[in-house]
Every structure is written in structure tokens, then in C-alpha cells.
C-alpha atoms as a PDB file:
ATOM      1  CA  MET A   1       3.125 -14.358   5.943  1.00  0.00           C
ATOM      2  CA  TYR A   2       5.713 -16.268   3.965  1.00  0.00           C
ATOM      3  CA  GLY A   3       5.481 -19.015   1.366  1.00  0.00           C
ATOM      4  CA  THR A   4       3.652 -20.051  -1.770  1.00  0.00           C
ATOM      5  CA  GLY A   5       0.555 -21.357   0.010  1.00  0.00           C
ATOM      6  CA  ILE A   6      -0.512 -18.257   1.925  1.00  0.00           C
ATOM      7  CA  GLY A   7      -4.179 -17.386   1.975  1.00  0.00           C
ATOM      8  CA  SER A   8      -5.136 -14.400   4.105  1.00  0.00           C
ATOM      9  CA  LEU A   9      -4.912 -12.846   7.538  1.00  0.00           C
ATOM     10  CA  LYS A  10      -7.965 -10.845   8.652  1.00  0.00           C
ATOM     11  CA  VAL A  11      -9.019  -8.933  11.753  1.00  0.00           C
ATOM     12  CA  PHE A  12     -12.672  -8.486  12.672  1.00  0.00           C
ATOM     13  CA  ALA A  13     -14.115  -6.289  15.426  1.00  0.00           C
ATOM     14  CA  GLY A  14     -17.503  -5.388  16.784  1.00  0.00           C
ATOM     15  CA  ASP A  15     -19.948  -5.739  19.617  1.00  0.00           C
ATOM     16  CA  LYS A  16     -20.007  -9.263  21.113  1.00  0.00           C
ATOM     17  CA  THR A  17     -23.775  -9.468  20.650  1.00  0.00           C
ATOM     18  CA  SER A  18     -23.803  -8.688  16.904  1.00  0.00           C
ATOM     19  CA  SER A  19     -21.929  -9.520  13.710  1.00  0.00           C
ATOM     20  CA  LEU A  20     -18.268  -8.541  13.611  1.00  0.00           C
ATOM     21  CA  LYS A  21     -17.014  -6.347  10.756  1.00  0.00           C
ATOM     22  CA  SER A  22     -13.778  -6.784   8.837  1.00  0.00           C
ATOM     23  CA  ILE A  23     -11.388  -3.954   9.785  1.00  0.00           C
ATOM     24  CA  TRP A  24      -8.061  -5.156   8.305  1.00  0.00           C
ATOM     25  CA  LYS A  25      -6.695  -7.794   5.914  1.00  0.00           C
ATOM     26  CA  LYS A  26      -3.591  -8.958   4.085  1.00  0.00           C
ATOM     27  CA  ILE A  27      -3.676 -11.491   1.269  1.00  0.00           C
ATOM     28  CA  GLY A  28      -0.840 -13.668  -0.017  1.00  0.00           C
ATOM     29  CA  ALA A  29       2.844 -13.706   0.885  1.00  0.00           C
ATOM     30  CA  GLN A  30       4.066 -10.406   2.329  1.00  0.00           C
ATOM     31  CA  THR A  31       7.822 -10.959   2.251  1.00  0.00           C
ATOM     32  CA  GLN A  32      10.490 -12.850   0.326  1.00  0.00           C
ATOM     33  CA  ASP A  33      12.643 -13.133   3.463  1.00  0.00           C
ATOM     34  CA  PRO A  34      11.327 -15.492   6.178  1.00  0.00           C
ATOM     35  CA  HIS A  35      13.522 -13.734   8.769  1.00  0.00           C
ATOM     36  CA  LYS A  36      12.088 -10.261   8.097  1.00  0.00           C
ATOM     37  CA  TRP A  37       9.485  -9.111  10.636  1.00  0.00           C
ATOM     38  CA  ASP A  38       6.648  -6.874   9.477  1.00  0.00           C
ATOM     39  CA  THR A  39       4.667  -4.720  11.864  1.00  0.00           C
ATOM     40  CA  GLY A  40       1.187  -3.336  11.556  1.00  0.00           C
ATOM     41  CA  THR A  41      -1.081  -0.933  13.360  1.00  0.00           C
ATOM     42  CA  ILE A  42      -4.860  -1.211  13.365  1.00  0.00           C
ATOM     43  CA  ASP A  43      -7.275   1.334  14.772  1.00  0.00           C
ATOM     44  CA  ILE A  44     -10.148  -0.593  16.335  1.00  0.00           C
ATOM     45  CA  PRO A  45     -13.501   1.217  16.341  1.00  0.00           C
ATOM     46  CA  LEU A  46     -15.083   1.937  19.706  1.00  0.00           C
ATOM     47  CA  PHE A  47     -17.654  -0.627  20.861  1.00  0.00           C
ATOM     48  CA  SER A  48     -19.239  -0.933  24.280  1.00  0.00           C
ATOM     49  CA  ASN A  49     -18.861  -4.720  24.390  1.00  0.00           C
ATOM     50  CA  LEU A  50     -15.785  -5.196  22.177  1.00  0.00           C
ATOM     51  CA  ALA A  51     -14.858  -8.486  20.547  1.00  0.00           C
ATOM     52  CA  VAL A  52     -11.819  -8.915  18.272  1.00  0.00           C
ATOM     53  CA  THR A  53     -11.239 -11.981  16.097  1.00  0.00           C
ATOM     54  CA  ILE A  54      -8.075 -12.770  14.131  1.00  0.00           C
ATOM     55  CA  GLU A  55      -8.533 -15.238  11.274  1.00  0.00           C
ATOM     56  CA  GLY A  56      -5.767 -16.866   9.259  1.00  0.00           C
ATOM     57  CA  THR A  57      -6.509 -19.041   6.229  1.00  0.00           C
ATOM     58  CA  ARG A  58      -4.212 -21.067   4.076  1.00  0.00           C
ATOM     59  CA  GLY A  59      -4.043 -20.949   0.315  1.00  0.00           C
ATOM     60  CA  LYS A  60      -4.295 -23.880  -2.091  1.00  0.00           C
ATOM     61  CA  THR A  61      -1.288 -25.674  -0.557  1.00  0.00           C
ATOM     62  CA  PHE A  62       0.246 -26.149   2.880  1.00  0.00           C
ATOM     63  CA  LYS A  63       3.524 -24.436   1.852  1.00  0.00           C
ATOM     64  CA  GLY A  64       3.467 -21.280   3.912  1.00  0.00           C
ATOM     65  CA  ASP A  65       3.536 -19.792   7.394  1.00  0.00           C
ATOM     66  CA  ILE A  66       1.454 -17.094   9.036  1.00  0.00           C
ATOM     67  CA  ALA A  67       2.496 -15.948  12.495  1.00  0.00           C
ATOM     68  CA  ILE A  68       1.388 -13.302  14.962  1.00  0.00           C
ATOM     69  CA  ASP A  69       4.179 -12.780  17.428  1.00  0.00           C
ATOM     70  CA  ASP A  70       3.167  -9.812  19.553  1.00  0.00           C
ATOM     71  CA  ILE A  71      -0.079  -7.931  20.201  1.00  0.00           C
ATOM     72  CA  LEU A  72      -0.366  -4.695  22.157  1.00  0.00           C
ATOM     73  CA  LEU A  73      -3.730  -3.080  22.852  1.00  0.00           C
ATOM     74  CA  LYS A  74      -3.695   0.559  23.906  1.00  0.00           C
ATOM     75  CA  ALA A  75      -6.690   2.420  25.311  1.00  0.00           C
ATOM     76  CA  GLY A  76      -7.265   5.922  24.095  1.00  0.00           C
ATOM     77  CA  ALA A  77      -9.247   8.263  21.979  1.00  0.00           C
ATOM     78  CA  CYS A  78      -8.668   8.789  18.297  1.00  0.00           C
ATOM     79  CA  ASN A  79      -7.091  12.118  17.359  1.00  0.00           C
ATOM     80  CA  ALA A  80      -9.308  13.746  14.766  1.00  0.00           C
ATOM     81  CA  LEU A  81      -7.470  15.306  11.865  1.00  0.00           C
ATOM     82  CA  GLY A  82      -8.811  18.736  11.105  1.00  0.00           C
END
């Protein structure tokens, strides 16, 4: 997410048959260096019929870039913290 015209990047998740809920978002430029890669981790809630949507929006101008370069989904249970 680089540039002066960045809007937002959002991730929604939920059951395919109902409304998806927002589970993660970033707004505006996230770096001053276009060659710097940022990573993120999102815990997706458990749904029986999972759907995930990634939504990118631009800001007031076209001067910016949002990219998603690699996605890895891992199955597993959440470790509860005591």
C-alpha cells in the first residue's frame, strides 16, 4: 500500500449463506519505500461454509498501488491463551 491515493484494504469472512463480517483492515499508505514488503497474519474465525473476500479501494486519486503478493491458508485450531 504505497502512494498518495491509497484508500483501504479490507478482509471479510463468514458463512457463504449470510453476511460477511470485517475481520481486518488497513487504511492509507503503509510504507514510504515502494520496495519494502510488509507481511500480515489474520486469524479467520471458524465457519462451516467459509467465504473470504479481500477488498481494495482507492483514495481520492489514482496515485497509489495496493498489492497482495502471496496468500497462505493454514488449517488448525486456535491456541487459547490461559
